[in-house]
Amino acid sequence: MNKETSPADRPRIDKWLWAARFYKTRALATAAVKGGKVHVNDERIKPGRLMKLGDMLRIKRGESEITVVLRELSAHRGSATVAQKLYEETAHSIEAREMQSEQQRLLHANASPRPPRRPGKKERRDLIRFFGRSLD
């Protein structure tokens, strides 16, 4: 076996996702891969898939989808700054994510206006009298 193909140099996808800090635990990373939330080079994969440099990953977490290109391989979890060096997010992915966050911000800004402050003691008593019950 040469050095390039050894398992120590090519970690499993679930281990890499954990090391790159996309998921808090390997179990969550494995569940995401099994659930079809992670695609490598536009293919659905299994958690045991060995990664190689240049692979393109699409990772769906909640409402957002991130597209990244592998720049370094690691099976060891490090700090956030080390984890960010493992991949590079594509320009299209950054643009789509920013657009989605702006839409979410606008949606939530207009959805439910909040009062300027919490009601005081007298105002709470008035509300309780008006509604005829506790507000808890």
C-alpha atoms as a PDB file:
ATOM      1  CA  MET A   1       0.000   0.000   0.000  1.00  0.00           C
ATOM      2  CA  ASN A   2       1.390   3.394  -0.829  1.00  0.00           C
ATOM      3  CA  LYS A   3       1.079   6.417   1.430  1.00  0.00           C
ATOM      4  CA  GLU A   4      -1.617   8.130  -0.649  1.00  0.00           C
ATOM      5  CA  THR A   5      -4.151   5.331  -0.280  1.00  0.00           C
ATOM      6  CA  SER A   6      -3.571   4.398   3.358  1.00  0.00           C
ATOM      7  CA  PRO A   7      -6.635   4.771   5.597  1.00  0.00           C
ATOM      8  CA  ALA A   8      -4.676   7.023   7.965  1.00  0.00           C
ATOM      9  CA  ASP A   9      -4.301   9.570   5.153  1.00  0.00           C
ATOM     10  CA  ARG A  10      -7.820   9.167   3.815  1.00  0.00           C
ATOM     11  CA  PRO A  11     -10.380   9.425   6.623  1.00  0.00           C
ATOM     12  CA  ARG A  12     -13.967   8.276   6.414  1.00  0.00           C
ATOM     13  CA  ILE A  13     -16.529  10.951   5.514  1.00  0.00           C
ATOM     14  CA  ASP A  14     -18.220  10.825   8.927  1.00  0.00           C
ATOM     15  CA  LYS A  15     -14.884  11.268  10.688  1.00  0.00           C
ATOM     16  CA  TRP A  16     -13.907  14.157   8.387  1.00  0.00           C
ATOM     17  CA  LEU A  17     -17.257  15.937   8.914  1.00  0.00           C
ATOM     18  CA  TRP A  18     -16.720  15.662  12.672  1.00  0.00           C
ATOM     19  CA  ALA A  19     -13.099  16.866  12.408  1.00  0.00           C
ATOM     20  CA  ALA A  20     -14.167  19.816  10.209  1.00  0.00           C
ATOM     21  CA  ARG A  21     -16.747  20.730  12.884  1.00  0.00           C
ATOM     22  CA  PHE A  22     -19.839  20.409  10.716  1.00  0.00           C
ATOM     23  CA  TYR A  23     -21.320  18.092  13.370  1.00  0.00           C
ATOM     24  CA  LYS A  24     -20.703  17.889  17.122  1.00  0.00           C
ATOM     25  CA  THR A  25     -20.342  14.115  17.231  1.00  0.00           C
ATOM     26  CA  ARG A  26     -19.421  11.342  14.828  1.00  0.00           C
ATOM     27  CA  ALA A  27     -22.791   9.750  15.509  1.00  0.00           C
ATOM     28  CA  LEU A  28     -24.564  12.891  14.230  1.00  0.00           C
ATOM     29  CA  ALA A  29     -22.291  12.959  11.178  1.00  0.00           C
ATOM     30  CA  THR A  30     -23.007   9.284  10.482  1.00  0.00           C
ATOM     31  CA  ALA A  31     -26.762   9.843  10.830  1.00  0.00           C
ATOM     32  CA  ALA A  32     -26.613  12.803   8.424  1.00  0.00           C
ATOM     33  CA  VAL A  33     -24.740  10.781   5.810  1.00  0.00           C
ATOM     34  CA  LYS A  34     -27.132   7.831   6.161  1.00  0.00           C
ATOM     35  CA  GLY A  35     -30.082  10.228   5.947  1.00  0.00           C
ATOM     36  CA  GLY A  36     -28.940  11.608   2.587  1.00  0.00           C
ATOM     37  CA  LYS A  37     -28.007  15.043   3.898  1.00  0.00           C
ATOM     38  CA  VAL A  38     -24.412  14.784   2.659  1.00  0.00           C
ATOM     39  CA  HIS A  39     -23.464  14.245  -0.993  1.00  0.00           C
ATOM     40  CA  VAL A  40     -19.953  13.868  -2.417  1.00  0.00           C
ATOM     41  CA  ASN A  41     -19.508  14.903  -6.051  1.00  0.00           C
ATOM     42  CA  ASP A  42     -23.330  14.904  -6.414  1.00  0.00           C
ATOM     43  CA  GLU A  43     -23.636  11.276  -5.300  1.00  0.00           C
ATOM     44  CA  ARG A  44     -25.341   9.919  -2.213  1.00  0.00           C
ATOM     45  CA  ILE A  45     -22.754   8.090  -0.114  1.00  0.00           C
ATOM     46  CA  LYS A  46     -22.283   5.798   2.865  1.00  0.00           C
ATOM     47  CA  PRO A  47     -20.535   6.808   6.127  1.00  0.00           C
ATOM     48  CA  GLY A  48     -17.518   4.596   5.373  1.00  0.00           C
ATOM     49  CA  ARG A  49     -16.613   6.415   2.146  1.00  0.00           C
ATOM     50  CA  LEU A  50     -12.951   7.434   2.110  1.00  0.00           C
ATOM     51  CA  MET A  51     -12.336  11.075   1.267  1.00  0.00           C
ATOM     52  CA  LYS A  52      -9.757  12.481  -1.155  1.00  0.00           C
ATOM     53  CA  LEU A  53      -8.517  15.984  -1.861  1.00  0.00           C
ATOM     54  CA  GLY A  54     -10.671  17.962  -4.265  1.00  0.00           C
ATOM     55  CA  ASP A  55     -13.941  16.181  -3.421  1.00  0.00           C
ATOM     56  CA  MET A  56     -16.949  18.501  -3.515  1.00  0.00           C
ATOM     57  CA  LEU A  57     -19.394  18.076  -0.629  1.00  0.00           C
ATOM     58  CA  ARG A  58     -22.956  19.324  -0.365  1.00  0.00           C
ATOM     59  CA  ILE A  59     -23.991  19.402   3.291  1.00  0.00           C
ATOM     60  CA  LYS A  60     -27.583  20.160   4.236  1.00  0.00           C
ATOM     61  CA  ARG A  61     -28.136  21.283   7.831  1.00  0.00           C
ATOM     62  CA  GLY A  62     -31.609  22.472   8.701  1.00  0.00           C
ATOM     63  CA  GLU A  63     -32.776  24.936   6.066  1.00  0.00           C
ATOM     64  CA  SER A  64     -29.320  25.780   4.753  1.00  0.00           C
ATOM     65  CA  GLU A  65     -27.141  23.915   2.301  1.00  0.00           C
ATOM     66  CA  ILE A  66     -23.378  24.407   2.168  1.00  0.00           C
ATOM     67  CA  THR A  67     -21.149  23.400  -0.735  1.00  0.00           C
ATOM     68  CA  VAL A  68     -17.469  22.958   0.112  1.00  0.00           C
ATOM     69  CA  VAL A  69     -14.332  21.628  -1.579  1.00  0.00           C
ATOM     70  CA  LEU A  70     -11.878  19.526   0.445  1.00  0.00           C
ATOM     71  CA  ARG A  71      -8.492  21.201   0.795  1.00  0.00           C
ATOM     72  CA  GLU A  72      -6.946  19.048   3.543  1.00  0.00           C
ATOM     73  CA  LEU A  73      -7.675  15.653   5.038  1.00  0.00           C
ATOM     74  CA  SER A  74      -7.797  15.081   8.779  1.00  0.00           C
ATOM     75  CA  ALA A  75      -9.374  12.546  11.089  1.00  0.00           C
ATOM     76  CA  HIS A  76      -8.501  14.519  14.229  1.00  0.00           C
ATOM     77  CA  ARG A  77     -10.723  17.253  15.602  1.00  0.00           C
ATOM     78  CA  GLY A  78      -8.881  20.481  16.269  1.00  0.00           C
ATOM     79  CA  SER A  79      -9.736  24.088  16.946  1.00  0.00           C
ATOM     80  CA  ALA A  80     -12.177  26.014  14.780  1.00  0.00           C
ATOM     81  CA  THR A  81      -9.351  27.799  12.948  1.00  0.00           C
ATOM     82  CA  VAL A  82      -7.720  24.463  12.093  1.00  0.00           C
ATOM     83  CA  ALA A  83     -11.091  23.050  10.993  1.00  0.00           C
ATOM     84  CA  GLN A  84     -11.692  25.970   8.612  1.00  0.00           C
ATOM     85  CA  LYS A  85      -8.450  25.136   6.775  1.00  0.00           C
ATOM     86  CA  LEU A  86      -9.778  21.686   5.899  1.00  0.00           C
ATOM     87  CA  TYR A  87     -12.253  23.018   3.332  1.00  0.00           C
ATOM     88  CA  GLU A  88     -13.141  25.991   1.162  1.00  0.00           C
ATOM     89  CA  GLU A  89     -16.745  27.063   0.662  1.00  0.00           C
ATOM     90  CA  THR A  90     -17.702  27.831  -2.939  1.00  0.00           C
ATOM     91  CA  ALA A  91     -18.664  31.373  -3.960  1.00  0.00           C
ATOM     92  CA  HIS A  92     -22.112  30.217  -5.099  1.00  0.00           C
ATOM     93  CA  SER A  93     -22.726  28.587  -1.716  1.00  0.00           C
ATOM     94  CA  ILE A  94     -21.727  31.741   0.182  1.00  0.00           C
ATOM     95  CA  GLU A  95     -24.008  33.876  -1.984  1.00  0.00           C
ATOM     96  CA  ALA A  96     -26.979  31.505  -1.579  1.00  0.00           C
ATOM     97  CA  ARG A  97     -26.461  31.272   2.189  1.00  0.00           C
ATOM     98  CA  GLU A  98     -26.305  35.067   2.575  1.00  0.00           C
ATOM     99  CA  MET A  99     -29.462  35.489   0.483  1.00  0.00           C
ATOM    100  CA  GLN A 100     -31.289  32.903   2.582  1.00  0.00           C
ATOM    101  CA  SER A 101     -30.212  34.518   5.865  1.00  0.00           C
ATOM    102  CA  GLU A 102     -31.399  37.914   4.598  1.00  0.00           C
ATOM    103  CA  GLN A 103     -34.787  36.410   3.675  1.00  0.00           C
ATOM    104  CA  GLN A 104     -35.053  34.783   7.107  1.00  0.00           C
ATOM    105  CA  ARG A 105     -34.136  38.072   8.799  1.00  0.00           C
ATOM    106  CA  LEU A 106     -36.820  39.950   6.871  1.00  0.00           C
ATOM    107  CA  LEU A 107     -39.385  37.241   7.536  1.00  0.00           C
ATOM    108  CA  HIS A 108     -38.750  37.263  11.280  1.00  0.00           C
ATOM    109  CA  ALA A 109     -38.535  41.043  11.496  1.00  0.00           C
ATOM    110  CA  ASN A 110     -42.103  41.423  10.181  1.00  0.00           C
ATOM    111  CA  ALA A 111     -43.615  38.269  11.661  1.00  0.00           C
ATOM    112  CA  SER A 112     -44.246  39.184  15.264  1.00  0.00           C
ATOM    113  CA  PRO A 113     -43.765  42.708  16.528  1.00  0.00           C
ATOM    114  CA  ARG A 114     -42.579  42.815  20.120  1.00  0.00           C
ATOM    115  CA  PRO A 115     -43.644  45.373  22.681  1.00  0.00           C
ATOM    116  CA  PRO A 116     -40.955  47.932  23.506  1.00  0.00           C
ATOM    117  CA  ARG A 117     -40.621  46.580  27.059  1.00  0.00           C
ATOM    118  CA  ARG A 118     -42.049  43.977  29.438  1.00  0.00           C
ATOM    119  CA  PRO A 119     -45.223  44.925  31.311  1.00  0.00           C
ATOM    120  CA  GLY A 120     -44.744  46.296  34.818  1.00  0.00           C
ATOM    121  CA  LYS A 121     -46.517  45.029  37.945  1.00  0.00           C
ATOM    122  CA  LYS A 122     -49.645  47.171  37.487  1.00  0.00           C
ATOM    123  CA  GLU A 123     -49.863  46.355  33.768  1.00  0.00           C
ATOM    124  CA  ARG A 124     -49.556  42.631  34.524  1.00  0.00           C
ATOM    125  CA  ARG A 125     -52.370  42.853  37.063  1.00  0.00           C
ATOM    126  CA  ASP A 126     -54.526  44.705  34.531  1.00  0.00           C
ATOM    127  CA  LEU A 127     -53.834  42.020  31.920  1.00  0.00           C
ATOM    128  CA  ILE A 128     -54.715  39.270  34.402  1.00  0.00           C
ATOM    129  CA  ARG A 129     -57.964  41.052  35.278  1.00  0.00           C
ATOM    130  CA  PHE A 130     -58.760  41.561  31.592  1.00  0.00           C
ATOM    131  CA  PHE A 131     -58.101  37.965  30.544  1.00  0.00           C
ATOM    132  CA  GLY A 132     -59.426  36.529  33.796  1.00  0.00           C
ATOM    133  CA  ARG A 133     -56.470  34.172  34.325  1.00  0.00           C
ATOM    134  CA  SER A 134     -52.739  34.026  34.794  1.00  0.00           C
ATOM    135  CA  LEU A 135     -50.556  34.667  31.748  1.00  0.00           C
ATOM    136  CA  ASP A 136     -48.023  31.893  32.536  1.00  0.00           C
END
